[in-house]
Amino acid sequence: MVVTVCLPPTAADKLAMLKGDPSCRALVENLKNWLASVAASGAAFASAPPSLLTVSNGGADPSPALHEYRASIRILTGRLNDLIGCEDVQEPDRDVMIDALAAHRLTLEREEETVILQAAADGIFIDRRPDADPRAVLGLVEIEQAEA
């Protein structure tokens, strides 16, 4: 079965670029799986507004900033996993905390992607995490569809 997902042009161009990069094989597989699940859910997406994060450092090594983002993402992921399996927190409170942590993690992942893109503009290649959130990598925001 072939599933077609309409992506904004910038996201489609980026996906095509990533597919051509052998070092992104695991990431592209993650993106394909995500897009298949999105198509099944009927979600719609638009291009995310550009990040307000400025990371240009005159071509200097972006590793310190990137390591900070990745460490924070790992910590938030651990907290989310702990919270998802936690029975001690009431269900509504747990859902609110999960949503808040997930939103913060997505923000950090968007900033991580900004660092990667700025480094590329400065001639520095940085591997993307294979488990990076596809919305952050492709620069997408979910939009609510009008009910018919």
Protein backbone atom coordinates (compact mmCIF):
# COMPACT_ATOMS: atom_id res chain seq x y z
CA MET A 1 0.00 0.00 0.00
CA VAL A 2 1.33 3.43 -0.94
CA VAL A 3 0.56 6.30 1.39
CA THR A 4 0.86 9.87 0.15
CA VAL A 5 1.34 12.74 2.58
CA CYS A 6 1.29 16.29 1.27
CA LEU A 7 4.14 18.21 2.85
CA PRO A 8 4.87 21.92 2.55
CA PRO A 9 7.52 22.47 -0.17
CA THR A 10 10.30 23.24 2.30
CA ALA A 11 9.68 19.99 4.19
CA ALA A 12 9.42 17.97 0.98
CA ASP A 13 12.72 19.45 -0.27
CA LYS A 14 14.43 18.67 3.02
CA LEU A 15 13.12 15.10 3.03
CA ALA A 16 14.43 14.61 -0.51
CA MET A 17 17.85 15.94 0.58
CA LEU A 18 17.94 13.62 3.61
CA LYS A 19 17.00 10.61 1.45
CA GLY A 20 20.09 11.31 -0.67
CA ASP A 21 22.42 11.31 2.34
CA PRO A 22 23.61 7.78 3.25
CA SER A 23 24.44 8.88 6.81
CA CYS A 24 20.75 9.68 7.37
CA ARG A 25 19.45 6.19 6.56
CA ALA A 26 18.07 5.50 10.08
CA LEU A 27 16.60 9.00 10.35
CA VAL A 28 14.89 8.67 6.95
CA GLU A 29 13.42 5.31 7.99
CA ASN A 30 12.07 6.99 11.15
CA LEU A 31 10.62 9.81 9.03
CA LYS A 32 8.96 7.34 6.63
CA ASN A 33 7.36 5.42 9.51
CA TRP A 34 6.16 8.65 11.09
CA LEU A 35 4.72 9.93 7.82
CA ALA A 36 2.84 6.64 7.32
CA SER A 37 1.28 6.96 10.77
CA VAL A 38 0.45 10.61 10.12
CA ALA A 39 -1.27 9.75 6.85
CA ALA A 40 -3.36 7.14 8.62
CA SER A 41 -4.40 9.66 11.28
CA GLY A 42 -5.45 12.32 8.75
CA ALA A 43 -3.28 15.01 10.36
CA ALA A 44 -2.37 18.10 8.35
CA PHE A 45 0.83 20.10 8.59
CA ALA A 46 2.22 23.47 7.64
CA SER A 47 5.72 24.89 7.71
CA ALA A 48 6.82 25.95 11.16
CA PRO A 49 7.78 29.58 11.59
CA PRO A 50 11.54 30.10 11.43
CA SER A 51 13.41 29.70 14.67
CA LEU A 52 14.33 32.89 16.49
CA LEU A 53 17.45 31.14 17.77
CA THR A 54 20.67 32.67 16.49
CA VAL A 55 23.62 30.34 16.69
CA SER A 56 26.06 31.78 14.20
CA ASN A 57 29.44 31.86 15.84
CA GLY A 58 31.67 32.74 12.94
CA GLY A 59 32.31 29.15 11.93
CA ALA A 60 33.41 28.07 15.42
CA ASP A 61 32.59 24.56 16.60
CA PRO A 62 28.86 24.36 17.46
CA SER A 63 29.43 21.20 19.53
CA PRO A 64 29.00 22.78 23.00
CA ALA A 65 25.53 24.14 22.16
CA LEU A 66 24.58 20.91 20.39
CA HIS A 67 25.73 18.78 23.33
CA GLU A 68 23.64 20.90 25.68
CA TYR A 69 20.52 20.45 23.56
CA ARG A 70 21.10 16.72 23.19
CA ALA A 71 21.73 16.27 26.92
CA SER A 72 18.53 18.19 27.72
CA ILE A 73 16.57 16.13 25.19
CA ARG A 74 17.88 12.89 26.75
CA ILE A 75 16.87 14.10 30.23
CA LEU A 76 13.38 15.12 29.07
CA THR A 77 12.94 11.81 27.25
CA GLY A 78 13.88 9.95 30.42
CA ARG A 79 11.42 12.01 32.45
CA LEU A 80 8.69 11.39 29.90
CA ASN A 81 9.33 7.65 29.93
CA ASP A 82 9.28 7.62 33.74
CA LEU A 83 6.08 9.63 33.82
CA ILE A 84 4.32 7.49 31.24
CA GLY A 85 4.93 4.40 33.37
CA CYS A 86 4.19 6.13 36.68
CA GLU A 87 1.15 5.01 38.65
CA ASP A 88 1.68 7.50 41.52
CA VAL A 89 0.40 10.55 39.63
CA GLN A 90 -3.30 11.11 38.95
CA GLU A 91 -4.23 10.59 35.28
CA PRO A 92 -5.24 14.22 34.41
CA ASP A 93 -2.16 15.63 36.13
CA ARG A 94 0.07 13.09 34.43
CA ASP A 95 -1.39 13.93 31.02
CA VAL A 96 -0.76 17.65 31.57
CA MET A 97 2.82 16.99 32.66
CA ILE A 98 3.44 14.66 29.71
CA ASP A 99 2.08 17.26 27.27
CA ALA A 100 4.23 20.01 28.81
CA LEU A 101 7.42 17.92 28.75
CA ALA A 102 6.74 16.74 25.20
CA ALA A 103 6.19 20.33 24.03
CA HIS A 104 9.42 21.45 25.70
CA ARG A 105 11.32 18.54 24.14
CA LEU A 106 9.98 19.49 20.70
CA THR A 107 11.14 23.08 21.24
CA LEU A 108 14.63 21.83 22.15
CA GLU A 109 14.67 19.56 19.11
CA ARG A 110 13.72 22.48 16.87
CA GLU A 111 16.60 24.48 18.35
CA GLU A 112 18.91 21.48 17.87
CA GLU A 113 17.92 21.42 14.19
CA THR A 114 18.65 25.15 13.95
CA VAL A 115 22.18 24.50 15.26
CA ILE A 116 22.64 21.70 12.71
CA LEU A 117 21.45 23.90 9.85
CA GLN A 118 23.60 26.84 10.91
CA ALA A 119 26.63 24.58 11.22
CA ALA A 120 25.97 23.28 7.69
CA ALA A 121 25.82 26.88 6.45
CA ASP A 122 29.22 27.40 8.11
CA GLY A 123 30.60 24.29 6.37
CA ILE A 124 30.41 21.97 9.41
CA PHE A 125 28.59 18.66 8.97
CA ILE A 126 26.72 17.32 12.02
CA ASP A 127 24.88 13.99 12.12
CA ARG A 128 21.23 14.17 13.06
CA ARG A 129 19.93 11.83 15.73
CA PRO A 130 18.01 8.95 14.13
CA ASP A 131 15.27 9.38 16.75
CA ALA A 132 14.89 13.12 16.18
CA ASP A 133 11.29 14.31 16.09
CA PRO A 134 10.24 14.46 12.42
CA ARG A 135 8.35 17.71 13.07
CA ALA A 136 11.60 19.33 14.19
CA VAL A 137 13.71 17.90 11.36
CA LEU A 138 11.22 18.78 8.63
CA GLY A 139 10.13 22.09 10.19
CA LEU A 140 6.46 21.16 10.53
CA VAL A 141 3.62 22.23 12.81
CA GLU A 142 0.38 20.32 13.02
CA ILE A 143 -2.65 22.32 11.96
CA GLU A 144 -6.22 21.65 12.91
CA GLN A 145 -8.42 20.76 10.02
CA ALA A 146 -11.83 22.35 9.71
CA GLU A 147 -14.58 19.85 10.37
CA ALA A 148 -16.79 19.20 7.39
